[in-house]
Structures are given as C-alpha cells and as structure tokens.
Amino acid sequence: MSEPRVAVSVWRSNWQDSDYRKKFITGLILMSFILVSLPFFYQAIEQRNGIGFNDYLLAYIPAYDLSLFIFVVIWSMTLLTFSRFKQDPHIFLNFLWGFILINLSRFVSIGLFPLNPPADLIPIHDPIANQFYGPKFITKDLFFSGHTAAMFLMFLCLKKRTDKVLALLATLIIGAAVLIQHVHYTMDVIMAPVITYFLWVGSKKIIES
C-alpha cells in the first residue's frame, strides 16, 4: 500500500474513535477562539507600561536584523511538522493541545508580568505570523518566548530521530536569534523550553484522560 493510502487509513482509523474525535474537535474550537483573541490581547498589552529589566547578556550583544533567517527556520520546521501530521494523527493532537496550553500560559504570564521591551529591539518581519497580532507590531509579548516554545514543542511531539534533532537545533537557533535581534530577554528564552515541557506533559494527560 502506498504511503498516502497508509496515511489516509491511519487517519480514518483514529477518526472512528469517538474519544479522538472529541479531543480533535474540542482542540480546534479552542484554538479558533485563541486565534480570534490574539490581536485584541496583544494590542491591549502593547498600550500599557511595563517594568524595566536589565539584561546583562543583551547589553553585550549588538542587535542585528535576522528576520529572514528566523522566518525560514520557523516555517521550514512548521512545514516538516505539518507533513508528519499526515502520517500520524497523534502527533497532530499532541501538538494542537500543547500549542493551546502554550498560548493560554502566555496570556497569563504576559498579563501578570508586564515588561518593557529590550533596548535596541528590532522587529521581526514575518508576513505570516504578524497577521495574527493586529495592525501594530507587538514588542511586549515577552515572558516567555513563543518562538522558542513553538520550536521546542515540535521537538517534543515529533517521533523520528532525525526530525527531533532538526527541531532541537531549530530551538537553539531561534533562541539565539531572538536574543541577537533583542526581541526577548535572556530569561524569556531560557524559561520557554522548561515551561513548554511541563505544558506538553499536561497536554498528554488531557489526551490520554
């Protein structure tokens, strides 16, 4: 049987499981509400004054615009991960619920800990991702790094050894790149994988419950 037919067969088999269907549909509904809420939330937090933060590492790193490089790495990994969704419905479900928890956690952490952006911040020009944040570029969505968290979530969800190596490299590269571009503080990047790991564990408990 060809690979596309195998993928269709696997998805059909999972879709016949009522528990899988329920978590699939519920996850998509929640994700839809989050996507609708993103511009309202981030445009609102951009208007408030946050706390100044001294980052000694950023003070020694000159700011460079790595927007194109960041865009290529993130969306290349996204395309790879999406291609694995076709082969394994459980990778999709794990990523979906992990991504939901990441976004909800960022709503809480950004809401509770208002920070002003790092000095010399250079906006990331991402013609795809920036569409979800509203008309004004967002600089105060700081703790924790969503870019780094998304890459690490892919590392946790993917199953093939080569895929996991690529995702881990992407996590390290993106973490370094957003620091070089002064888009995040060091603590935002360091804490992103730590928090994402526990959120991924939580997403697995939701799926397996």
N, C-alpha and C. Protein backbone atom coordinates (compact mmCIF):
# COMPACT_ATOMS: atom_id res chain seq x y z
N MET A 1 0.86 -1.20 0.00
CA MET A 1 0.00 0.00 0.00
C MET A 1 0.89 1.24 0.00
N SER A 2 0.56 2.25 -0.83
CA SER A 2 1.37 3.46 -0.93
C SER A 2 1.27 4.28 0.35
N GLU A 3 2.26 5.17 0.54
CA GLU A 3 2.31 5.98 1.76
C GLU A 3 1.07 6.85 1.94
N PRO A 4 0.59 7.56 0.88
CA PRO A 4 -0.63 8.36 1.07
C PRO A 4 -1.83 7.53 1.50
N ARG A 5 -1.95 6.30 0.94
CA ARG A 5 -3.08 5.45 1.33
C ARG A 5 -2.94 4.98 2.77
N VAL A 6 -1.72 4.72 3.19
CA VAL A 6 -1.49 4.32 4.58
C VAL A 6 -1.89 5.46 5.52
N ALA A 7 -1.49 6.70 5.15
CA ALA A 7 -1.82 7.87 5.97
C ALA A 7 -3.33 8.04 6.09
N VAL A 8 -4.04 7.89 4.96
CA VAL A 8 -5.50 8.01 4.98
C VAL A 8 -6.11 6.94 5.85
N SER A 9 -5.57 5.73 5.74
CA SER A 9 -6.09 4.61 6.53
C SER A 9 -5.89 4.85 8.03
N VAL A 10 -4.72 5.39 8.39
CA VAL A 10 -4.43 5.66 9.80
C VAL A 10 -5.36 6.74 10.34
N TRP A 11 -5.56 7.81 9.57
CA TRP A 11 -6.45 8.89 10.00
C TRP A 11 -7.88 8.38 10.12
N ARG A 12 -8.31 7.56 9.15
CA ARG A 12 -9.68 7.03 9.20
C ARG A 12 -9.89 6.17 10.43
N SER A 13 -8.88 5.37 10.75
CA SER A 13 -8.97 4.50 11.93
C SER A 13 -9.08 5.32 13.21
N ASN A 14 -8.27 6.38 13.32
CA ASN A 14 -8.33 7.23 14.51
C ASN A 14 -9.63 8.01 14.58
N TRP A 15 -10.14 8.43 13.43
CA TRP A 15 -11.35 9.23 13.41
C TRP A 15 -12.57 8.41 13.85
N GLN A 16 -12.49 7.11 13.70
CA GLN A 16 -13.58 6.24 14.14
C GLN A 16 -13.63 6.12 15.66
N ASP A 17 -12.57 6.55 16.32
CA ASP A 17 -12.52 6.56 17.79
C ASP A 17 -13.21 7.83 18.29
N SER A 18 -14.31 7.68 18.99
CA SER A 18 -15.09 8.84 19.43
C SER A 18 -14.29 9.75 20.36
N ASP A 19 -13.40 9.16 21.18
CA ASP A 19 -12.59 9.96 22.09
C ASP A 19 -11.62 10.84 21.30
N TYR A 20 -11.02 10.27 20.25
CA TYR A 20 -10.11 11.05 19.41
C TYR A 20 -10.88 12.18 18.74
N ARG A 21 -12.07 11.88 18.19
CA ARG A 21 -12.86 12.91 17.52
C ARG A 21 -13.21 14.05 18.47
N LYS A 22 -13.60 13.69 19.70
CA LYS A 22 -13.99 14.71 20.68
C LYS A 22 -12.83 15.65 20.99
N LYS A 23 -11.64 15.08 21.22
CA LYS A 23 -10.48 15.91 21.56
C LYS A 23 -9.97 16.69 20.36
N PHE A 24 -10.11 16.12 19.18
CA PHE A 24 -9.75 16.81 17.94
C PHE A 24 -10.63 18.04 17.73
N ILE A 25 -11.93 17.85 17.81
CA ILE A 25 -12.88 18.94 17.56
C ILE A 25 -12.80 19.99 18.66
N THR A 26 -12.73 19.54 19.92
CA THR A 26 -12.62 20.49 21.04
C THR A 26 -11.35 21.32 20.92
N GLY A 27 -10.25 20.68 20.56
CA GLY A 27 -8.98 21.39 20.39
C GLY A 27 -9.06 22.44 19.30
N LEU A 28 -9.67 22.08 18.17
CA LEU A 28 -9.80 23.05 17.07
C LEU A 28 -10.67 24.23 17.46
N ILE A 29 -11.74 23.96 18.21
CA ILE A 29 -12.62 25.06 18.65
C ILE A 29 -11.86 26.00 19.59
N LEU A 30 -11.13 25.43 20.56
CA LEU A 30 -10.35 26.26 21.49
C LEU A 30 -9.28 27.06 20.75
N MET A 31 -8.61 26.40 19.79
CA MET A 31 -7.58 27.09 19.03
C MET A 31 -8.17 28.23 18.21
N SER A 32 -9.37 28.03 17.69
CA SER A 32 -10.04 29.08 16.93
C SER A 32 -10.33 30.29 17.81
N PHE A 33 -10.81 30.05 19.03
CA PHE A 33 -11.07 31.16 19.97
C PHE A 33 -9.77 31.89 20.31
N ILE A 34 -8.69 31.14 20.48
CA ILE A 34 -7.39 31.76 20.79
C ILE A 34 -6.93 32.64 19.65
N LEU A 35 -7.04 32.14 18.42
CA LEU A 35 -6.60 32.92 17.25
C LEU A 35 -7.41 34.20 17.10
N VAL A 36 -8.70 34.11 17.38
CA VAL A 36 -9.55 35.32 17.32
C VAL A 36 -9.16 36.31 18.40
N SER A 37 -8.74 35.80 19.57
CA SER A 37 -8.40 36.65 20.72
C SER A 37 -7.03 37.29 20.60
N LEU A 38 -6.13 36.69 19.83
CA LEU A 38 -4.74 37.15 19.78
C LEU A 38 -4.60 38.65 19.52
N PRO A 39 -5.18 39.19 18.44
CA PRO A 39 -4.95 40.63 18.18
C PRO A 39 -5.49 41.53 19.27
N PHE A 40 -6.62 41.19 19.87
CA PHE A 40 -7.20 42.02 20.93
C PHE A 40 -6.30 42.01 22.16
N PHE A 41 -5.82 40.83 22.54
CA PHE A 41 -4.97 40.73 23.72
C PHE A 41 -3.64 41.46 23.51
N TYR A 42 -2.97 41.16 22.41
CA TYR A 42 -1.63 41.72 22.22
C TYR A 42 -1.64 43.21 21.91
N GLN A 43 -2.65 43.68 21.22
CA GLN A 43 -2.75 45.13 21.01
C GLN A 43 -3.02 45.84 22.33
N ALA A 44 -3.75 45.18 23.24
CA ALA A 44 -4.03 45.79 24.55
C ALA A 44 -2.78 45.84 25.40
N ILE A 45 -2.01 44.75 25.45
CA ILE A 45 -0.83 44.75 26.32
C ILE A 45 0.25 45.70 25.78
N GLU A 46 0.19 45.98 24.50
CA GLU A 46 1.18 46.90 23.92
C GLU A 46 0.97 48.33 24.42
N GLN A 47 -0.25 48.64 24.88
CA GLN A 47 -0.56 50.00 25.31
C GLN A 47 -0.12 50.30 26.75
N ARG A 48 0.17 49.28 27.52
CA ARG A 48 0.48 49.51 28.93
C ARG A 48 1.98 49.66 29.15
N ASN A 49 2.33 50.31 30.24
CA ASN A 49 3.73 50.49 30.58
C ASN A 49 4.19 49.33 31.45
N GLY A 50 5.33 48.75 31.10
CA GLY A 50 5.82 47.61 31.84
C GLY A 50 7.01 47.95 32.72
N ILE A 51 7.62 46.92 33.27
CA ILE A 51 8.76 47.07 34.16
C ILE A 51 10.05 47.05 33.35
N GLY A 52 10.96 47.93 33.66
CA GLY A 52 12.28 47.90 33.03
C GLY A 52 13.09 46.74 33.55
N PHE A 53 13.87 46.10 32.68
CA PHE A 53 14.62 44.91 33.08
C PHE A 53 16.04 45.01 32.53
N ASN A 54 17.02 44.86 33.42
CA ASN A 54 18.42 44.91 32.99
C ASN A 54 18.90 43.51 32.62
N ASP A 55 19.20 43.33 31.36
CA ASP A 55 19.69 42.04 30.87
C ASP A 55 21.16 42.21 30.49
N TYR A 56 22.03 41.66 31.32
CA TYR A 56 23.47 41.87 31.14
C TYR A 56 23.99 41.18 29.88
N LEU A 57 23.37 40.06 29.49
CA LEU A 57 23.81 39.39 28.27
C LEU A 57 23.48 40.23 27.04
N LEU A 58 22.25 40.74 26.97
CA LEU A 58 21.85 41.56 25.83
C LEU A 58 22.70 42.83 25.72
N ALA A 59 23.15 43.32 26.86
CA ALA A 59 23.97 44.54 26.86
C ALA A 59 25.27 44.34 26.09
N TYR A 60 25.73 43.08 26.00
CA TYR A 60 26.98 42.80 25.31
C TYR A 60 26.77 42.28 23.88
N ILE A 61 25.50 42.08 23.49
CA ILE A 61 25.20 41.57 22.15
C ILE A 61 24.69 42.70 21.27
N PRO A 62 25.40 43.06 20.21
CA PRO A 62 24.87 44.06 19.28
C PRO A 62 23.62 43.52 18.59
N ALA A 63 22.65 44.38 18.36
CA ALA A 63 21.39 43.95 17.74
C ALA A 63 21.54 43.88 16.23
N TYR A 64 21.11 42.75 15.66
CA TYR A 64 21.12 42.56 14.20
C TYR A 64 19.75 42.07 13.75
N ASP A 65 19.37 42.46 12.55
CA ASP A 65 18.09 42.03 11.99
C ASP A 65 18.25 40.66 11.34
N LEU A 66 17.68 39.63 11.97
CA LEU A 66 17.74 38.26 11.45
C LEU A 66 16.35 37.78 11.04
N SER A 67 15.48 38.72 10.67
CA SER A 67 14.08 38.38 10.38
C SER A 67 13.94 37.30 9.32
N LEU A 68 14.66 37.45 8.21
CA LEU A 68 14.55 36.48 7.12
C LEU A 68 15.01 35.10 7.58
N PHE A 69 16.12 35.07 8.31
CA PHE A 69 16.67 33.80 8.81
C PHE A 69 15.68 33.14 9.77
N ILE A 70 15.12 33.93 10.70
CA ILE A 70 14.14 33.41 11.65
C ILE A 70 12.91 32.88 10.92
N PHE A 71 12.44 33.62 9.94
CA PHE A 71 11.28 33.21 9.15
C PHE A 71 11.51 31.87 8.47
N VAL A 72 12.66 31.72 7.84
CA VAL A 72 12.98 30.48 7.10
C VAL A 72 13.05 29.29 8.05
N VAL A 73 13.74 29.45 9.18
CA VAL A 73 13.89 28.34 10.14
C VAL A 73 12.52 27.93 10.71
N ILE A 74 11.75 28.92 11.17
CA ILE A 74 10.46 28.61 11.80
C ILE A 74 9.51 27.94 10.83
N TRP A 75 9.37 28.48 9.64
CA TRP A 75 8.37 27.94 8.73
C TRP A 75 8.83 26.68 8.03
N SER A 76 10.13 26.48 7.94
CA SER A 76 10.64 25.19 7.44
C SER A 76 10.30 24.08 8.43
N MET A 77 10.53 24.35 9.72
CA MET A 77 10.19 23.37 10.75
C MET A 77 8.68 23.16 10.83
N THR A 78 7.92 24.22 10.63
CA THR A 78 6.46 24.11 10.64
C THR A 78 5.97 23.22 9.51
N LEU A 79 6.53 23.39 8.32
CA LEU A 79 6.14 22.56 7.19
C LEU A 79 6.51 21.10 7.43
N LEU A 80 7.70 20.87 8.01
CA LEU A 80 8.10 19.50 8.33
C LEU A 80 7.12 18.87 9.33
N THR A 81 6.79 19.63 10.38
CA THR A 81 5.88 19.11 11.41
C THR A 81 4.50 18.84 10.82
N PHE A 82 4.01 19.75 9.99
CA PHE A 82 2.70 19.55 9.36
C PHE A 82 2.71 18.32 8.46
N SER A 83 3.82 18.07 7.81
CA SER A 83 3.91 16.88 6.96
C SER A 83 3.82 15.60 7.80
N ARG A 84 4.32 15.65 9.03
CA ARG A 84 4.23 14.49 9.92
C ARG A 84 2.81 14.31 10.45
N PHE A 85 2.03 15.40 10.51
CA PHE A 85 0.63 15.28 10.92
C PHE A 85 -0.11 14.30 10.01
N LYS A 86 0.20 14.36 8.72
CA LYS A 86 -0.48 13.48 7.76
C LYS A 86 -0.21 12.01 8.05
N GLN A 87 0.98 11.74 8.55
CA GLN A 87 1.40 10.36 8.78
C GLN A 87 0.95 9.82 10.14
N ASP A 88 0.80 10.72 11.11
CA ASP A 88 0.50 10.28 12.48
C ASP A 88 -0.48 11.25 13.14
N PRO A 89 -1.76 10.88 13.24
CA PRO A 89 -2.77 11.77 13.84
C PRO A 89 -2.45 12.15 15.29
N HIS A 90 -1.71 11.30 16.00
CA HIS A 90 -1.42 11.60 17.40
C HIS A 90 -0.39 12.72 17.53
N ILE A 91 0.51 12.84 16.56
CA ILE A 91 1.44 13.98 16.57
C ILE A 91 0.64 15.26 16.45
N PHE A 92 -0.37 15.26 15.56
CA PHE A 92 -1.22 16.45 15.41
C PHE A 92 -1.92 16.78 16.71
N LEU A 93 -2.52 15.78 17.36
CA LEU A 93 -3.28 16.03 18.58
C LEU A 93 -2.37 16.51 19.71
N ASN A 94 -1.20 15.91 19.83
CA ASN A 94 -0.25 16.35 20.86
C ASN A 94 0.19 17.79 20.64
N PHE A 95 0.48 18.12 19.38
CA PHE A 95 0.92 19.48 19.07
C PHE A 95 -0.22 20.48 19.28
N LEU A 96 -1.41 20.11 18.82
CA LEU A 96 -2.56 21.01 18.95
C LEU A 96 -2.81 21.40 20.41
N TRP A 97 -2.89 20.41 21.30
CA TRP A 97 -3.18 20.71 22.70
C TRP A 97 -1.99 21.35 23.39
N GLY A 98 -0.77 20.98 23.00
CA GLY A 98 0.40 21.66 23.55
C GLY A 98 0.42 23.12 23.16
N PHE A 99 0.07 23.41 21.91
CA PHE A 99 0.07 24.79 21.42
C PHE A 99 -1.04 25.60 22.09
N ILE A 100 -2.16 24.96 22.34
CA ILE A 100 -3.24 25.63 23.08
C ILE A 100 -2.76 26.04 24.47
N LEU A 101 -2.13 25.11 25.18
CA LEU A 101 -1.65 25.41 26.54
C LEU A 101 -0.55 26.46 26.54
N ILE A 102 0.32 26.45 25.52
CA ILE A 102 1.36 27.48 25.42
C ILE A 102 0.73 28.85 25.29
N ASN A 103 -0.25 28.98 24.40
CA ASN A 103 -0.88 30.29 24.20
C ASN A 103 -1.64 30.75 25.43
N LEU A 104 -2.37 29.84 26.08
CA LEU A 104 -3.09 30.22 27.29
C LEU A 104 -2.12 30.62 28.40
N SER A 105 -1.00 29.90 28.51
CA SER A 105 0.00 30.22 29.53
C SER A 105 0.65 31.57 29.24
N ARG A 106 0.89 31.87 27.98
CA ARG A 106 1.48 33.17 27.64
C ARG A 106 0.50 34.30 27.93
N PHE A 107 -0.79 34.06 27.71
CA PHE A 107 -1.78 35.07 28.09
C PHE A 107 -1.65 35.40 29.57
N VAL A 108 -1.52 34.35 30.39
CA VAL A 108 -1.44 34.54 31.84
C VAL A 108 -0.12 35.20 32.23
N SER A 109 1.01 34.66 31.74
CA SER A 109 2.32 35.17 32.17
C SER A 109 2.56 36.59 31.68
N ILE A 110 2.18 36.87 30.44
CA ILE A 110 2.35 38.24 29.91
C ILE A 110 1.41 39.20 30.64
N GLY A 111 0.20 38.71 30.95
CA GLY A 111 -0.75 39.56 31.66
C GLY A 111 -0.31 39.88 33.07
N LEU A 112 0.31 38.92 33.74
CA LEU A 112 0.72 39.11 35.14
C LEU A 112 2.06 39.83 35.28
N PHE A 113 2.93 39.70 34.27
CA PHE A 113 4.28 40.27 34.37
C PHE A 113 4.55 41.23 33.21
N PRO A 114 4.00 42.44 33.30
CA PRO A 114 4.22 43.41 32.21
C PRO A 114 5.67 43.88 32.17
N LEU A 115 6.30 43.72 31.04
CA LEU A 115 7.69 44.15 30.86
C LEU A 115 7.80 45.08 29.67
N ASN A 116 8.67 46.05 29.79
CA ASN A 116 9.01 46.87 28.63
C ASN A 116 10.01 46.11 27.77
N PRO A 117 10.03 46.36 26.47
CA PRO A 117 10.90 45.58 25.58
C PRO A 117 12.37 45.91 25.79
N PRO A 118 13.26 45.00 25.38
CA PRO A 118 14.70 45.26 25.48
C PRO A 118 15.12 46.48 24.65
N ALA A 119 16.21 47.09 25.06
CA ALA A 119 16.76 48.21 24.29
C ALA A 119 17.23 47.71 22.93
N ASP A 120 17.11 48.57 21.92
CA ASP A 120 17.57 48.27 20.56
C ASP A 120 16.80 47.12 19.92
N LEU A 121 15.57 46.85 20.36
CA LEU A 121 14.77 45.81 19.75
C LEU A 121 14.56 46.07 18.27
N ILE A 122 14.75 45.05 17.45
CA ILE A 122 14.49 45.13 16.01
C ILE A 122 13.29 44.24 15.71
N PRO A 123 12.20 44.80 15.19
CA PRO A 123 11.00 43.99 14.92
C PRO A 123 11.30 42.82 13.97
N ILE A 124 10.67 41.68 14.25
CA ILE A 124 10.77 40.53 13.34
C ILE A 124 9.73 40.69 12.24
N HIS A 125 10.18 40.74 11.02
CA HIS A 125 9.27 40.86 9.88
C HIS A 125 8.91 39.46 9.40
N ASP A 126 7.74 39.00 9.83
CA ASP A 126 7.22 37.69 9.44
C ASP A 126 5.85 37.92 8.81
N PRO A 127 5.76 37.88 7.48
CA PRO A 127 4.49 38.21 6.82
C PRO A 127 3.36 37.26 7.14
N ILE A 128 3.66 36.10 7.71
CA ILE A 128 2.60 35.14 8.08
C ILE A 128 2.20 35.34 9.54
N ALA A 129 3.15 35.17 10.46
CA ALA A 129 2.83 35.23 11.89
C ALA A 129 2.30 36.60 12.31
N ASN A 130 2.84 37.67 11.71
CA ASN A 130 2.44 39.02 12.12
C ASN A 130 0.97 39.31 11.83
N GLN A 131 0.35 38.53 10.95
CA GLN A 131 -1.06 38.74 10.63
C GLN A 131 -1.96 38.44 11.83
N PHE A 132 -1.47 37.64 12.77
CA PHE A 132 -2.30 37.22 13.90
C PHE A 132 -2.25 38.20 15.07
N TYR A 133 -1.41 39.24 14.99
CA TYR A 133 -1.19 40.11 16.14
C TYR A 133 -1.85 41.47 16.01
N GLY A 134 -2.48 41.75 14.88
CA GLY A 134 -3.13 43.04 14.72
C GLY A 134 -2.27 44.03 13.95
N PRO A 135 -2.75 45.26 13.81
CA PRO A 135 -2.08 46.23 12.93
C PRO A 135 -0.73 46.75 13.44
N LYS A 136 -0.55 46.81 14.75
CA LYS A 136 0.68 47.36 15.30
C LYS A 136 1.64 46.25 15.72
N PHE A 137 2.93 46.42 15.39
CA PHE A 137 3.91 45.40 15.78
C PHE A 137 4.00 45.33 17.30
N ILE A 138 4.00 44.10 17.82
CA ILE A 138 3.97 43.87 19.26
C ILE A 138 5.39 43.71 19.79
N THR A 139 5.72 44.45 20.84
CA THR A 139 7.06 44.37 21.44
C THR A 139 7.02 43.88 22.89
N LYS A 140 5.83 43.77 23.48
CA LYS A 140 5.74 43.48 24.91
C LYS A 140 5.20 42.08 25.20
N ASP A 141 5.20 41.21 24.20
CA ASP A 141 4.80 39.81 24.43
C ASP A 141 6.05 39.02 24.80
N LEU A 142 6.56 39.28 26.00
CA LEU A 142 7.92 38.88 26.32
C LEU A 142 8.04 37.54 27.06
N PHE A 143 7.48 37.45 28.24
CA PHE A 143 7.71 36.24 29.04
C PHE A 143 6.53 35.27 28.88
N PHE A 144 6.79 34.18 28.20
CA PHE A 144 8.05 33.61 27.74
C PHE A 144 8.07 33.61 26.22
N SER A 145 9.20 33.27 25.61
CA SER A 145 9.35 33.36 24.15
C SER A 145 8.48 32.35 23.42
N GLY A 146 7.51 32.86 22.67
CA GLY A 146 6.64 31.99 21.90
C GLY A 146 7.36 31.30 20.76
N HIS A 147 8.32 32.00 20.13
CA HIS A 147 9.09 31.40 19.04
C HIS A 147 9.86 30.18 19.53
N THR A 148 10.56 30.35 20.64
CA THR A 148 11.36 29.25 21.19
C THR A 148 10.47 28.11 21.67
N ALA A 149 9.36 28.46 22.30
CA ALA A 149 8.43 27.45 22.82
C ALA A 149 7.85 26.60 21.69
N ALA A 150 7.48 27.24 20.59
CA ALA A 150 6.90 26.50 19.47
C ALA A 150 7.89 25.50 18.88
N MET A 151 9.14 25.91 18.75
CA MET A 151 10.17 25.01 18.21
C MET A 151 10.39 23.82 19.16
N PHE A 152 10.42 24.11 20.46
CA PHE A 152 10.66 23.03 21.42
C PHE A 152 9.46 22.09 21.50
N LEU A 153 8.26 22.62 21.33
CA LEU A 153 7.08 21.77 21.29
C LEU A 153 7.16 20.80 20.11
N MET A 154 7.65 21.28 18.98
CA MET A 154 7.83 20.40 17.83
C MET A 154 8.83 19.29 18.17
N PHE A 155 9.91 19.65 18.85
CA PHE A 155 10.89 18.65 19.27
C PHE A 155 10.23 17.58 20.14
N LEU A 156 9.38 17.99 21.06
CA LEU A 156 8.75 17.04 21.97
C LEU A 156 7.73 16.16 21.25
N CYS A 157 7.04 16.70 20.26
CA CYS A 157 5.96 15.97 19.60
C CYS A 157 6.44 15.05 18.48
N LEU A 158 7.47 15.46 17.76
CA LEU A 158 7.95 14.65 16.65
C LEU A 158 8.56 13.35 17.17
N LYS A 159 8.53 12.31 16.34
CA LYS A 159 8.94 10.98 16.79
C LYS A 159 10.22 10.48 16.12
N LYS A 160 10.43 10.80 14.86
CA LYS A 160 11.62 10.31 14.18
C LYS A 160 12.87 10.99 14.73
N ARG A 161 13.93 10.23 14.85
CA ARG A 161 15.16 10.75 15.43
C ARG A 161 15.68 11.96 14.65
N THR A 162 15.69 11.87 13.33
CA THR A 162 16.18 12.98 12.51
C THR A 162 15.32 14.23 12.71
N ASP A 163 14.00 14.03 12.76
CA ASP A 163 13.09 15.16 12.98
C ASP A 163 13.36 15.83 14.33
N LYS A 164 13.57 15.01 15.35
CA LYS A 164 13.81 15.56 16.69
C LYS A 164 15.12 16.33 16.74
N VAL A 165 16.14 15.82 16.06
CA VAL A 165 17.43 16.53 16.01
C VAL A 165 17.26 17.89 15.33
N LEU A 166 16.54 17.90 14.21
CA LEU A 166 16.30 19.16 13.50
C LEU A 166 15.51 20.15 14.36
N ALA A 167 14.51 19.64 15.06
CA ALA A 167 13.69 20.52 15.90
C ALA A 167 14.47 21.07 17.09
N LEU A 168 15.35 20.24 17.66
CA LEU A 168 16.17 20.72 18.77
C LEU A 168 17.16 21.77 18.29
N LEU A 169 17.76 21.55 17.12
CA LEU A 169 18.66 22.56 16.54
C LEU A 169 17.90 23.85 16.26
N ALA A 170 16.67 23.71 15.74
CA ALA A 170 15.86 24.90 15.46
C ALA A 170 15.54 25.66 16.74
N THR A 171 15.30 24.93 17.83
CA THR A 171 15.03 25.57 19.12
C THR A 171 16.23 26.41 19.57
N LEU A 172 17.42 25.83 19.48
CA LEU A 172 18.64 26.53 19.89
C LEU A 172 18.91 27.72 18.98
N ILE A 173 18.72 27.51 17.69
CA ILE A 173 18.99 28.58 16.71
C ILE A 173 18.02 29.74 16.90
N ILE A 174 16.73 29.44 17.04
CA ILE A 174 15.74 30.50 17.20
C ILE A 174 15.93 31.22 18.53
N GLY A 175 16.24 30.45 19.59
CA GLY A 175 16.51 31.08 20.88
C GLY A 175 17.64 32.08 20.79
N ALA A 176 18.72 31.70 20.11
CA ALA A 176 19.86 32.61 19.94
C ALA A 176 19.50 33.79 19.04
N ALA A 177 18.73 33.51 17.98
CA ALA A 177 18.41 34.55 17.00
C ALA A 177 17.53 35.65 17.60
N VAL A 178 16.53 35.27 18.42
CA VAL A 178 15.67 36.32 19.00
C VAL A 178 16.43 37.14 20.04
N LEU A 179 17.47 36.55 20.65
CA LEU A 179 18.31 37.34 21.54
C LEU A 179 19.18 38.31 20.74
N ILE A 180 19.76 37.83 19.65
CA ILE A 180 20.59 38.70 18.82
C ILE A 180 19.77 39.85 18.26
N GLN A 181 18.50 39.59 17.96
CA GLN A 181 17.63 40.64 17.44
C GLN A 181 17.03 41.48 18.57
N HIS A 182 17.33 41.13 19.82
CA HIS A 182 16.84 41.86 21.01
C HIS A 182 15.32 41.89 21.08
N VAL A 183 14.68 40.80 20.60
CA VAL A 183 13.23 40.70 20.66
C VAL A 183 12.79 40.18 22.02
N HIS A 184 13.67 39.44 22.70
CA HIS A 184 13.36 38.85 24.00
C HIS A 184 14.52 39.05 24.96
N TYR A 185 14.19 38.96 26.25
CA TYR A 185 15.23 38.91 27.28
C TYR A 185 15.73 37.47 27.38
N THR A 186 16.91 37.33 27.99
CA THR A 186 17.50 36.00 28.16
C THR A 186 16.59 35.07 28.93
N MET A 187 15.96 35.59 29.99
CA MET A 187 15.08 34.72 30.80
C MET A 187 13.88 34.23 30.00
N ASP A 188 13.41 35.03 29.03
CA ASP A 188 12.28 34.61 28.20
C ASP A 188 12.63 33.36 27.40
N VAL A 189 13.86 33.34 26.89
CA VAL A 189 14.30 32.24 26.05
C VAL A 189 14.64 31.01 26.88
N ILE A 190 15.35 31.21 27.98
CA ILE A 190 15.76 30.09 28.83
C ILE A 190 14.55 29.37 29.42
N MET A 191 13.55 30.12 29.85
CA MET A 191 12.40 29.52 30.50
C MET A 191 11.41 28.90 29.52
N ALA A 192 11.47 29.29 28.26
CA ALA A 192 10.49 28.79 27.29
C ALA A 192 10.51 27.26 27.17
N PRO A 193 11.66 26.60 26.98
CA PRO A 193 11.65 25.13 26.91
C PRO A 193 11.22 24.47 28.22
N VAL A 194 11.60 25.06 29.34
CA VAL A 194 11.24 24.49 30.65
C VAL A 194 9.72 24.49 30.81
N ILE A 195 9.11 25.65 30.58
CA ILE A 195 7.66 25.77 30.71
C ILE A 195 6.96 24.89 29.68
N THR A 196 7.48 24.88 28.45
CA THR A 196 6.86 24.08 27.39
C THR A 196 6.86 22.60 27.71
N TYR A 197 7.92 22.13 28.34
CA TYR A 197 7.97 20.71 28.70
C TYR A 197 6.80 20.35 29.63
N PHE A 198 6.58 21.14 30.65
CA PHE A 198 5.50 20.84 31.60
C PHE A 198 4.13 21.00 30.94
N LEU A 199 4.01 21.96 30.01
CA LEU A 199 2.75 22.11 29.29
C LEU A 199 2.50 20.93 28.37
N TRP A 200 3.57 20.41 27.77
CA TRP A 200 3.46 19.22 26.91
C TRP A 200 3.02 18.01 27.73
N VAL A 201 3.59 17.87 28.94
CA VAL A 201 3.15 16.79 29.82
C VAL A 201 1.67 16.94 30.14
N GLY A 202 1.25 18.19 30.40
CA GLY A 202 -0.16 18.44 30.66
C GLY A 202 -1.05 18.12 29.46
N SER A 203 -0.57 18.44 28.26
CA SER A 203 -1.36 18.15 27.07
C SER A 203 -1.51 16.64 26.87
N LYS A 204 -0.47 15.89 27.17
CA LYS A 204 -0.54 14.43 27.05
C LYS A 204 -1.55 13.85 28.05
N LYS A 205 -1.60 14.43 29.24
CA LYS A 205 -2.58 13.95 30.23
C LYS A 205 -3.99 14.23 29.76
N ILE A 206 -4.20 15.40 29.11
CA ILE A 206 -5.52 15.72 28.57
C ILE A 206 -5.91 14.70 27.50
N ILE A 207 -4.98 14.41 26.62
CA ILE A 207 -5.24 13.49 25.51
C ILE A 207 -5.48 12.07 26.00
N GLU A 208 -4.72 11.67 27.01
CA GLU A 208 -4.81 10.28 27.49
C GLU A 208 -5.91 10.06 28.51
N SER A 209 -6.49 11.16 29.00
CA SER A 209 -7.53 11.01 30.04
C SER A 209 -8.78 10.35 29.47
